[in-house]
Amino acid sequence: MFDAINRVIVRAYVGFKREEGQTFVEYSLIGVLVAVALVLALGTFKGQIADALTKMGASL
């Protein structure tokens, strides 16, 4: 009886840990995707960003 309960608990724990690892990988991939998108956006608009910051600095 106790062995059966112990097996169920161990299976549930292992399943939870495995799913937790998948979640971490998925969030990591989303983070990398967001970082790449930011780098591309900043690279594309660096001239406009620099001009806007220069104008803000001049107005202060």
Protein backbone atom coordinates (compact mmCIF):
# COMPACT_ATOMS: atom_id res chain seq x y z
CA MET A 1 0.00 0.00 0.00
CA PHE A 2 2.69 2.47 1.00
CA ASP A 3 4.79 1.49 -2.00
CA ALA A 4 1.93 2.31 -4.35
CA ILE A 5 1.39 5.71 -2.71
CA ASN A 6 5.12 6.38 -2.82
CA ARG A 7 5.25 5.53 -6.56
CA VAL A 8 2.36 7.89 -7.29
CA ILE A 9 4.02 10.72 -5.38
CA VAL A 10 7.36 10.13 -7.11
CA ARG A 11 5.71 10.06 -10.55
CA ALA A 12 3.82 13.27 -9.83
CA TYR A 13 7.01 14.95 -8.59
CA VAL A 14 9.06 13.83 -11.61
CA GLY A 15 6.29 14.93 -13.99
CA PHE A 16 6.11 18.32 -12.31
CA LYS A 17 9.86 18.82 -12.48
CA ARG A 18 9.96 17.83 -16.15
CA GLU A 19 7.15 20.26 -16.99
CA GLU A 20 8.88 22.99 -15.04
CA GLY A 21 11.99 22.52 -17.17
CA GLN A 22 9.96 22.82 -20.37
CA THR A 23 8.40 26.04 -19.12
CA PHE A 24 11.85 27.48 -18.41
CA VAL A 25 13.02 26.62 -21.92
CA GLU A 26 9.90 28.15 -23.49
CA TYR A 27 10.28 31.38 -21.53
CA SER A 28 13.98 31.49 -22.41
CA LEU A 29 13.18 31.18 -26.11
CA ILE A 30 10.60 33.96 -25.85
CA GLY A 31 13.17 36.13 -24.06
CA VAL A 32 15.73 35.52 -26.81
CA LEU A 33 13.13 36.36 -29.46
CA VAL A 34 12.28 39.64 -27.71
CA ALA A 35 15.98 40.50 -27.36
CA VAL A 36 16.63 39.87 -31.07
CA ALA A 37 13.60 41.98 -32.01
CA LEU A 38 14.85 44.84 -29.82
CA VAL A 39 18.34 44.70 -31.32
CA LEU A 40 16.90 44.75 -34.84
CA ALA A 41 14.53 47.62 -34.01
CA LEU A 42 17.24 49.69 -32.35
CA GLY A 43 19.60 49.03 -35.26
CA THR A 44 16.96 50.08 -37.76
CA PHE A 45 15.94 53.26 -35.96
CA LYS A 46 19.28 54.30 -34.44
CA GLY A 47 19.46 57.49 -36.50
CA GLN A 48 15.98 58.62 -35.50
CA ILE A 49 16.62 57.73 -31.86
CA ALA A 50 19.87 59.68 -31.81
CA ASP A 51 18.17 62.71 -33.38
CA ALA A 52 15.32 62.58 -30.87
CA LEU A 53 17.73 62.36 -27.94
CA THR A 54 19.78 65.25 -29.32
CA LYS A 55 16.66 67.41 -29.67
CA MET A 56 15.57 66.55 -26.11
CA GLY A 57 19.02 67.39 -24.78
CA ALA A 58 19.07 70.70 -26.62
CA SER A 59 15.65 71.68 -25.30
CA LEU A 60 16.76 71.11 -21.71
